[in-house]
Structures are given as C-alpha cells and as structure tokens.
Amino acid sequence: MGFMGEFLHVPLIIFLTIVAPVWIIAHYVTRWRSMKTLSADDEKMLAELWESVPRMESRMNNLERILDAEVPDWRQQI
C-alpha cells in the first residue's frame, strides 16, 4: 500500500475507536432525552382521556346500580 495507505490507517482507527462510539452514544442519549417528554399529540390524547374519566365512572356506577337491582348477588358471582 505504501506510505499513503499506512498514513490513512491511523486516522481511520482513531475515528472508529474514539469518535464513532462517542458520536453514536451522544446521538442515542439525545434521542432518549427527547422521547422522555410527551409530544403535543400525546398531551392532547392524555387530556382527552382525563376528561372522559368522570363519564366512564358515571357509566360504571349506573351499570352497577342496574345490576344491583336486576341481579342482587352479581358481585359474588365474579
């Protein structure tokens, strides 16, 4: 290969052993940090779910009240 071939091996080895791993680790740490926060769509969906909780709770209470009237021992059958 000659002198130029050997001269290019040193920077390539330094890049592959030091720069590339640090670069890859930094990339994934940045992605991990950005994923820890909720996106705008996630926040919207969470708010919608939170708002629907009282309605679902009311429906469950009504269903339990109806079951208590129709099938008094339904809780023991579960």
PDB file of N, CA and C in Angstrom:
ATOM      1  N   MET A   1       0.807  -1.193   0.000  1.00  0.00           N
ATOM      2  CA  MET A   1       0.000   0.000   0.000  1.00  0.00           C
ATOM      3  C   MET A   1       0.848   1.254   0.000  1.00  0.00           C
ATOM      4  N   GLY A   2       1.950   1.173   0.615  1.00  0.00           N
ATOM      5  CA  GLY A   2       2.823   2.324   0.633  1.00  0.00           C
ATOM      6  C   GLY A   2       2.548   3.248   1.802  1.00  0.00           C
ATOM      7  N   PHE A   3       3.232   4.369   1.781  1.00  0.00           N
ATOM      8  CA  PHE A   3       3.160   5.327   2.887  1.00  0.00           C
ATOM      9  C   PHE A   3       1.767   5.937   3.035  1.00  0.00           C
ATOM     10  N   MET A   4       1.100   6.305   1.919  1.00  0.00           N
ATOM     11  CA  MET A   4      -0.222   6.935   1.998  1.00  0.00           C
ATOM     12  C   MET A   4      -1.248   5.979   2.597  1.00  0.00           C
ATOM     13  N   GLY A   5      -1.191   4.724   2.238  1.00  0.00           N
ATOM     14  CA  GLY A   5      -2.128   3.746   2.778  1.00  0.00           C
ATOM     15  C   GLY A   5      -1.969   3.601   4.275  1.00  0.00           C
ATOM     16  N   GLU A   6      -0.736   3.531   4.726  1.00  0.00           N
ATOM     17  CA  GLU A   6      -0.476   3.424   6.159  1.00  0.00           C
ATOM     18  C   GLU A   6      -0.825   4.723   6.875  1.00  0.00           C
ATOM     19  N   PHE A   7      -0.620   5.851   6.218  1.00  0.00           N
ATOM     20  CA  PHE A   7      -0.926   7.147   6.809  1.00  0.00           C
ATOM     21  C   PHE A   7      -2.428   7.307   7.039  1.00  0.00           C
ATOM     22  N   LEU A   8      -3.251   6.731   6.181  1.00  0.00           N
ATOM     23  CA  LEU A   8      -4.708   6.831   6.325  1.00  0.00           C
ATOM     24  C   LEU A   8      -5.256   5.854   7.357  1.00  0.00           C
ATOM     25  N   HIS A   9      -4.520   4.822   7.688  1.00  0.00           N
ATOM     26  CA  HIS A   9      -4.979   3.850   8.674  1.00  0.00           C
ATOM     27  C   HIS A   9      -5.098   4.466  10.073  1.00  0.00           C
ATOM     28  N   VAL A  10      -4.161   5.307  10.444  1.00  0.00           N
ATOM     29  CA  VAL A  10      -4.145   5.890  11.789  1.00  0.00           C
ATOM     30  C   VAL A  10      -5.387   6.743  12.039  1.00  0.00           C
ATOM     31  N   PRO A  11      -5.739   7.720  11.156  1.00  0.00           N
ATOM     32  CA  PRO A  11      -6.961   8.491  11.408  1.00  0.00           C
ATOM     33  C   PRO A  11      -8.217   7.621  11.375  1.00  0.00           C
ATOM     34  N   LEU A  12      -8.223   6.622  10.497  1.00  0.00           N
ATOM     35  CA  LEU A  12      -9.383   5.726  10.417  1.00  0.00           C
ATOM     36  C   LEU A  12      -9.546   4.934  11.714  1.00  0.00           C
ATOM     37  N   ILE A  13      -8.465   4.425  12.257  1.00  0.00           N
ATOM     38  CA  ILE A  13      -8.517   3.677  13.515  1.00  0.00           C
ATOM     39  C   ILE A  13      -8.942   4.591  14.657  1.00  0.00           C
ATOM     40  N   ILE A  14      -8.407   5.824  14.691  1.00  0.00           N
ATOM     41  CA  ILE A  14      -8.801   6.775  15.737  1.00  0.00           C
ATOM     42  C   ILE A  14     -10.284   7.100  15.619  1.00  0.00           C
ATOM     43  N   PHE A  15     -10.756   7.315  14.395  1.00  0.00           N
ATOM     44  CA  PHE A  15     -12.166   7.620  14.186  1.00  0.00           C
ATOM     45  C   PHE A  15     -13.046   6.464  14.653  1.00  0.00           C
ATOM     46  N   LEU A  16     -12.700   5.237  14.271  1.00  0.00           N
ATOM     47  CA  LEU A  16     -13.530   4.077  14.598  1.00  0.00           C
ATOM     48  C   LEU A  16     -13.487   3.714  16.081  1.00  0.00           C
ATOM     49  N   THR A  17     -12.392   4.015  16.771  1.00  0.00           N
ATOM     50  CA  THR A  17     -12.285   3.630  18.173  1.00  0.00           C
ATOM     51  C   THR A  17     -12.711   4.716  19.146  1.00  0.00           C
ATOM     52  N   ILE A  18     -12.631   5.994  18.731  1.00  0.00           N
ATOM     53  CA  ILE A  18     -12.949   7.084  19.663  1.00  0.00           C
ATOM     54  C   ILE A  18     -14.149   7.905  19.175  1.00  0.00           C
ATOM     55  N   VAL A  19     -14.051   8.461  17.994  1.00  0.00           N
ATOM     56  CA  VAL A  19     -15.062   9.406  17.516  1.00  0.00           C
ATOM     57  C   VAL A  19     -16.396   8.718  17.256  1.00  0.00           C
ATOM     58  N   ALA A  20     -16.400   7.627  16.520  1.00  0.00           N
ATOM     59  CA  ALA A  20     -17.654   6.968  16.154  1.00  0.00           C
ATOM     60  C   ALA A  20     -18.449   6.501  17.381  1.00  0.00           C
ATOM     61  N   PRO A  21     -17.832   5.812  18.357  1.00  0.00           N
ATOM     62  CA  PRO A  21     -18.619   5.401  19.530  1.00  0.00           C
ATOM     63  C   PRO A  21     -19.182   6.583  20.320  1.00  0.00           C
ATOM     64  N   VAL A  22     -18.390   7.649  20.485  1.00  0.00           N
ATOM     65  CA  VAL A  22     -18.879   8.823  21.215  1.00  0.00           C
ATOM     66  C   VAL A  22     -20.030   9.456  20.447  1.00  0.00           C
ATOM     67  N   TRP A  23     -19.904   9.530  19.144  1.00  0.00           N
ATOM     68  CA  TRP A  23     -20.937  10.110  18.288  1.00  0.00           C
ATOM     69  C   TRP A  23     -22.229   9.294  18.393  1.00  0.00           C
ATOM     70  N   ILE A  24     -22.127   7.987  18.320  1.00  0.00           N
ATOM     71  CA  ILE A  24     -23.305   7.117  18.401  1.00  0.00           C
ATOM     72  C   ILE A  24     -23.961   7.221  19.777  1.00  0.00           C
ATOM     73  N   ILE A  25     -23.166   7.200  20.827  1.00  0.00           N
ATOM     74  CA  ILE A  25     -23.713   7.312  22.182  1.00  0.00           C
ATOM     75  C   ILE A  25     -24.412   8.652  22.358  1.00  0.00           C
ATOM     76  N   ALA A  26     -23.798   9.722  21.904  1.00  0.00           N
ATOM     77  CA  ALA A  26     -24.405  11.051  22.025  1.00  0.00           C
ATOM     78  C   ALA A  26     -25.716  11.126  21.250  1.00  0.00           C
ATOM     79  N   HIS A  27     -25.747  10.514  20.085  1.00  0.00           N
ATOM     80  CA  HIS A  27     -26.966  10.503  19.277  1.00  0.00           C
ATOM     81  C   HIS A  27     -28.103   9.822  20.026  1.00  0.00           C
ATOM     82  N   TYR A  28     -27.850   8.633  20.568  1.00  0.00           N
ATOM     83  CA  TYR A  28     -28.918   7.905  21.237  1.00  0.00           C
ATOM     84  C   TYR A  28     -29.299   8.522  22.579  1.00  0.00           C
ATOM     85  N   VAL A  29     -28.365   9.150  23.272  1.00  0.00           N
ATOM     86  CA  VAL A  29     -28.707   9.865  24.511  1.00  0.00           C
ATOM     87  C   VAL A  29     -29.636  11.034  24.189  1.00  0.00           C
ATOM     88  N   THR A  30     -29.344  11.743  23.109  1.00  0.00           N
ATOM     89  CA  THR A  30     -30.203  12.850  22.695  1.00  0.00           C
ATOM     90  C   THR A  30     -31.596  12.357  22.326  1.00  0.00           C
ATOM     91  N   ARG A  31     -31.670  11.269  21.603  1.00  0.00           N
ATOM     92  CA  ARG A  31     -32.987  10.706  21.233  1.00  0.00           C
ATOM     93  C   ARG A  31     -33.735  10.233  22.474  1.00  0.00           C
ATOM     94  N   TRP A  32     -33.032   9.629  23.419  1.00  0.00           N
ATOM     95  CA  TRP A  32     -33.671   9.140  24.641  1.00  0.00           C
ATOM     96  C   TRP A  32     -34.233  10.313  25.435  1.00  0.00           C
ATOM     97  N   ARG A  33     -33.471  11.397  25.532  1.00  0.00           N
ATOM     98  CA  ARG A  33     -33.940  12.574  26.271  1.00  0.00           C
ATOM     99  C   ARG A  33     -35.140  13.204  25.602  1.00  0.00           C
ATOM    100  N   SER A  34     -35.154  13.241  24.288  1.00  0.00           N
ATOM    101  CA  SER A  34     -36.291  13.854  23.592  1.00  0.00           C
ATOM    102  C   SER A  34     -37.531  12.973  23.704  1.00  0.00           C
ATOM    103  N   MET A  35     -37.360  11.681  23.854  1.00  0.00           N
ATOM    104  CA  MET A  35     -38.513  10.776  23.963  1.00  0.00           C
ATOM    105  C   MET A  35     -39.089  10.786  25.370  1.00  0.00           C
ATOM    106  N   LYS A  36     -38.355  11.289  26.354  1.00  0.00           N
ATOM    107  CA  LYS A  36     -38.872  11.325  27.724  1.00  0.00           C
ATOM    108  C   LYS A  36     -40.014  12.322  27.859  1.00  0.00           C
ATOM    109  N   THR A  37     -40.055  13.314  27.003  1.00  0.00           N
ATOM    110  CA  THR A  37     -41.118  14.302  27.075  1.00  0.00           C
ATOM    111  C   THR A  37     -42.265  13.880  26.177  1.00  0.00           C
ATOM    112  N   LEU A  38     -43.465  14.302  26.536  1.00  0.00           N
ATOM    113  CA  LEU A  38     -44.637  13.967  25.744  1.00  0.00           C
ATOM    114  C   LEU A  38     -44.727  14.885  24.535  1.00  0.00           C
ATOM    115  N   SER A  39     -45.150  14.317  23.429  1.00  0.00           N
ATOM    116  CA  SER A  39     -45.378  15.143  22.250  1.00  0.00           C
ATOM    117  C   SER A  39     -46.714  15.867  22.416  1.00  0.00           C
ATOM    118  N   ALA A  40     -46.977  16.806  21.541  1.00  0.00           N
ATOM    119  CA  ALA A  40     -48.233  17.560  21.602  1.00  0.00           C
ATOM    120  C   ALA A  40     -49.425  16.630  21.412  1.00  0.00           C
ATOM    121  N   ASP A  41     -49.299  15.657  20.520  1.00  0.00           N
ATOM    122  CA  ASP A  41     -50.386  14.694  20.302  1.00  0.00           C
ATOM    123  C   ASP A  41     -50.610  13.831  21.545  1.00  0.00           C
ATOM    124  N   ASP A  42     -49.513  13.421  22.189  1.00  0.00           N
ATOM    125  CA  ASP A  42     -49.635  12.626  23.407  1.00  0.00           C
ATOM    126  C   ASP A  42     -50.322  13.416  24.516  1.00  0.00           C
ATOM    127  N   GLU A  43     -49.950  14.687  24.648  1.00  0.00           N
ATOM    128  CA  GLU A  43     -50.575  15.527  25.670  1.00  0.00           C
ATOM    129  C   GLU A  43     -52.059  15.712  25.395  1.00  0.00           C
ATOM    130  N   LYS A  44     -52.421  15.892  24.133  1.00  0.00           N
ATOM    131  CA  LYS A  44     -53.829  16.052  23.757  1.00  0.00           C
ATOM    132  C   LYS A  44     -54.617  14.782  24.073  1.00  0.00           C
ATOM    133  N   MET A  45     -54.050  13.621  23.710  1.00  0.00           N
ATOM    134  CA  MET A  45     -54.725  12.356  23.967  1.00  0.00           C
ATOM    135  C   MET A  45     -54.878  12.131  25.471  1.00  0.00           C
ATOM    136  N   LEU A  46     -53.849  12.448  26.240  1.00  0.00           N
ATOM    137  CA  LEU A  46     -53.913  12.288  27.688  1.00  0.00           C
ATOM    138  C   LEU A  46     -54.979  13.197  28.292  1.00  0.00           C
ATOM    139  N   ALA A  47     -55.081  14.424  27.798  1.00  0.00           N
ATOM    140  CA  ALA A  47     -56.102  15.354  28.289  1.00  0.00           C
ATOM    141  C   ALA A  47     -57.500  14.841  27.961  1.00  0.00           C
ATOM    142  N   GLU A  48     -57.685  14.297  26.751  1.00  0.00           N
ATOM    143  CA  GLU A  48     -58.988  13.746  26.371  1.00  0.00           C
ATOM    144  C   GLU A  48     -59.356  12.559  27.253  1.00  0.00           C
ATOM    145  N   LEU A  49     -58.382  11.709  27.523  1.00  0.00           N
ATOM    146  CA  LEU A  49     -58.646  10.560  28.404  1.00  0.00           C
ATOM    147  C   LEU A  49     -59.007  11.026  29.809  1.00  0.00           C
ATOM    148  N   TRP A  50     -58.273  12.020  30.290  1.00  0.00           N
ATOM    149  CA  TRP A  50     -58.533  12.543  31.629  1.00  0.00           C
ATOM    150  C   TRP A  50     -59.945  13.125  31.720  1.00  0.00           C
ATOM    151  N   GLU A  51     -60.373  13.814  30.659  1.00  0.00           N
ATOM    152  CA  GLU A  51     -61.716  14.396  30.648  1.00  0.00           C
ATOM    153  C   GLU A  51     -62.801  13.330  30.554  1.00  0.00           C
ATOM    154  N   SER A  52     -62.494  12.184  29.967  1.00  0.00           N
ATOM    155  CA  SER A  52     -63.501  11.129  29.814  1.00  0.00           C
ATOM    156  C   SER A  52     -63.649  10.271  31.073  1.00  0.00           C
ATOM    157  N   VAL A  53     -62.742  10.384  32.011  1.00  0.00           N
ATOM    158  CA  VAL A  53     -62.788   9.561  33.225  1.00  0.00           C
ATOM    159  C   VAL A  53     -64.089   9.757  34.009  1.00  0.00           C
ATOM    160  N   PRO A  54     -64.537  10.985  34.283  1.00  0.00           N
ATOM    161  CA  PRO A  54     -65.790  11.134  35.039  1.00  0.00           C
ATOM    162  C   PRO A  54     -66.988  10.501  34.328  1.00  0.00           C
ATOM    163  N   ARG A  55     -67.037  10.598  32.996  1.00  0.00           N
ATOM    164  CA  ARG A  55     -68.148   9.974  32.255  1.00  0.00           C
ATOM    165  C   ARG A  55     -68.103   8.458  32.392  1.00  0.00           C
ATOM    166  N   MET A  56     -66.918   7.886  32.258  1.00  0.00           N
ATOM    167  CA  MET A  56     -66.797   6.426  32.390  1.00  0.00           C
ATOM    168  C   MET A  56     -67.150   5.983  33.806  1.00  0.00           C
ATOM    169  N   GLU A  57     -66.709   6.748  34.796  1.00  0.00           N
ATOM    170  CA  GLU A  57     -67.018   6.416  36.186  1.00  0.00           C
ATOM    171  C   GLU A  57     -68.520   6.483  36.428  1.00  0.00           C
ATOM    172  N   SER A  58     -69.172   7.485  35.868  1.00  0.00           N
ATOM    173  CA  SER A  58     -70.621   7.611  35.996  1.00  0.00           C
ATOM    174  C   SER A  58     -71.324   6.427  35.334  1.00  0.00           C
ATOM    175  N   ARG A  59     -70.867   6.051  34.163  1.00  0.00           N
ATOM    176  CA  ARG A  59     -71.457   4.893  33.460  1.00  0.00           C
ATOM    177  C   ARG A  59     -71.278   3.614  34.264  1.00  0.00           C
ATOM    178  N   MET A  60     -70.086   3.418  34.823  1.00  0.00           N
ATOM    179  CA  MET A  60     -69.856   2.216  35.634  1.00  0.00           C
ATOM    180  C   MET A  60     -70.774   2.198  36.854  1.00  0.00           C
ATOM    181  N   ASN A  61     -70.927   3.342  37.517  1.00  0.00           N
ATOM    182  CA  ASN A  61     -71.814   3.412  38.681  1.00  0.00           C
ATOM    183  C   ASN A  61     -73.252   3.098  38.288  1.00  0.00           C
ATOM    184  N   ASN A  62     -73.702   3.621  37.129  1.00  0.00           N
ATOM    185  CA  ASN A  62     -75.053   3.329  36.659  1.00  0.00           C
ATOM    186  C   ASN A  62     -75.224   1.852  36.341  1.00  0.00           C
ATOM    187  N   LEU A  63     -74.246   1.265  35.687  1.00  0.00           N
ATOM    188  CA  LEU A  63     -74.314  -0.166  35.386  1.00  0.00           C
ATOM    189  C   LEU A  63     -74.348  -1.000  36.664  1.00  0.00           C
ATOM    190  N   GLU A  64     -73.540  -0.642  37.635  1.00  0.00           N
ATOM    191  CA  GLU A  64     -73.554  -1.373  38.909  1.00  0.00           C
ATOM    192  C   GLU A  64     -74.891  -1.217  39.607  1.00  0.00           C
ATOM    193  N   ARG A  65     -75.480  -0.029  39.548  1.00  0.00           N
ATOM    194  CA  ARG A  65     -76.788   0.203  40.160  1.00  0.00           C
ATOM    195  C   ARG A  65     -77.855  -0.645  39.473  1.00  0.00           C
ATOM    196  N   ILE A  66     -77.802  -0.713  38.128  1.00  0.00           N
ATOM    197  CA  ILE A  66     -78.765  -1.535  37.383  1.00  0.00           C
ATOM    198  C   ILE A  66     -78.570  -3.003  37.722  1.00  0.00           C
ATOM    199  N   LEU A  67     -77.316  -3.456  37.747  1.00  0.00           N
ATOM    200  CA  LEU A  67     -77.056  -4.861  38.090  1.00  0.00           C
ATOM    201  C   LEU A  67     -77.495  -5.172  39.516  1.00  0.00           C
ATOM    202  N   ASP A  68     -77.287  -4.244  40.441  1.00  0.00           N
ATOM    203  CA  ASP A  68     -77.741  -4.465  41.821  1.00  0.00           C
ATOM    204  C   ASP A  68     -79.251  -4.652  41.870  1.00  0.00           C
ATOM    205  N   ALA A  69     -79.981  -3.921  41.032  1.00  0.00           N
ATOM    206  CA  ALA A  69     -81.441  -4.033  41.024  1.00  0.00           C
ATOM    207  C   ALA A  69     -81.894  -5.295  40.313  1.00  0.00           C
ATOM    208  N   GLU A  70     -81.230  -5.665  39.221  1.00  0.00           N
ATOM    209  CA  GLU A  70     -81.655  -6.812  38.406  1.00  0.00           C
ATOM    210  C   GLU A  70     -81.136  -8.148  38.943  1.00  0.00           C
ATOM    211  N   VAL A  71     -79.864  -8.170  39.348  1.00  0.00           N
ATOM    212  CA  VAL A  71     -79.217  -9.408  39.810  1.00  0.00           C
ATOM    213  C   VAL A  71     -78.508  -9.077  41.126  1.00  0.00           C
ATOM    214  N   PRO A  72     -79.221  -9.200  42.249  1.00  0.00           N
ATOM    215  CA  PRO A  72     -78.675  -8.737  43.537  1.00  0.00           C
ATOM    216  C   PRO A  72     -77.326  -9.367  43.922  1.00  0.00           C
ATOM    217  N   ASP A  73     -77.074 -10.624  43.570  1.00  0.00           N
ATOM    218  CA  ASP A  73     -75.837 -11.279  44.001  1.00  0.00           C
ATOM    219  C   ASP A  73     -74.783 -11.343  42.883  1.00  0.00           C
ATOM    220  N   TRP A  74     -74.825 -10.422  41.963  1.00  0.00           N
ATOM    221  CA  TRP A  74     -73.885 -10.464  40.843  1.00  0.00           C
ATOM    222  C   TRP A  74     -72.444 -10.273  41.297  1.00  0.00           C
ATOM    223  N   ARG A  75     -72.219  -9.556  42.372  1.00  0.00           N
ATOM    224  CA  ARG A  75     -70.853  -9.314  42.845  1.00  0.00           C
ATOM    225  C   ARG A  75     -70.204 -10.593  43.372  1.00  0.00           C
ATOM    226  N   GLN A  76     -70.987 -11.479  43.945  1.00  0.00           N
ATOM    227  CA  GLN A  76     -70.430 -12.734  44.467  1.00  0.00           C
ATOM    228  C   GLN A  76     -70.137 -13.708  43.335  1.00  0.00           C
ATOM    229  N   GLN A  77     -70.752 -13.516  42.174  1.00  0.00           N
ATOM    230  CA  GLN A  77     -70.546 -14.435  41.039  1.00  0.00           C
ATOM    231  C   GLN A  77     -69.262 -14.133  40.268  1.00  0.00           C
ATOM    232  N   ILE A  78     -68.655 -13.002  40.540  1.00  0.00           N
ATOM    233  CA  ILE A  78     -67.452 -12.619  39.788  1.00  0.00           C
ATOM    234  C   ILE A  78     -66.264 -13.397  40.245  1.00  0.00           C
TER     235      ILE A  78
END
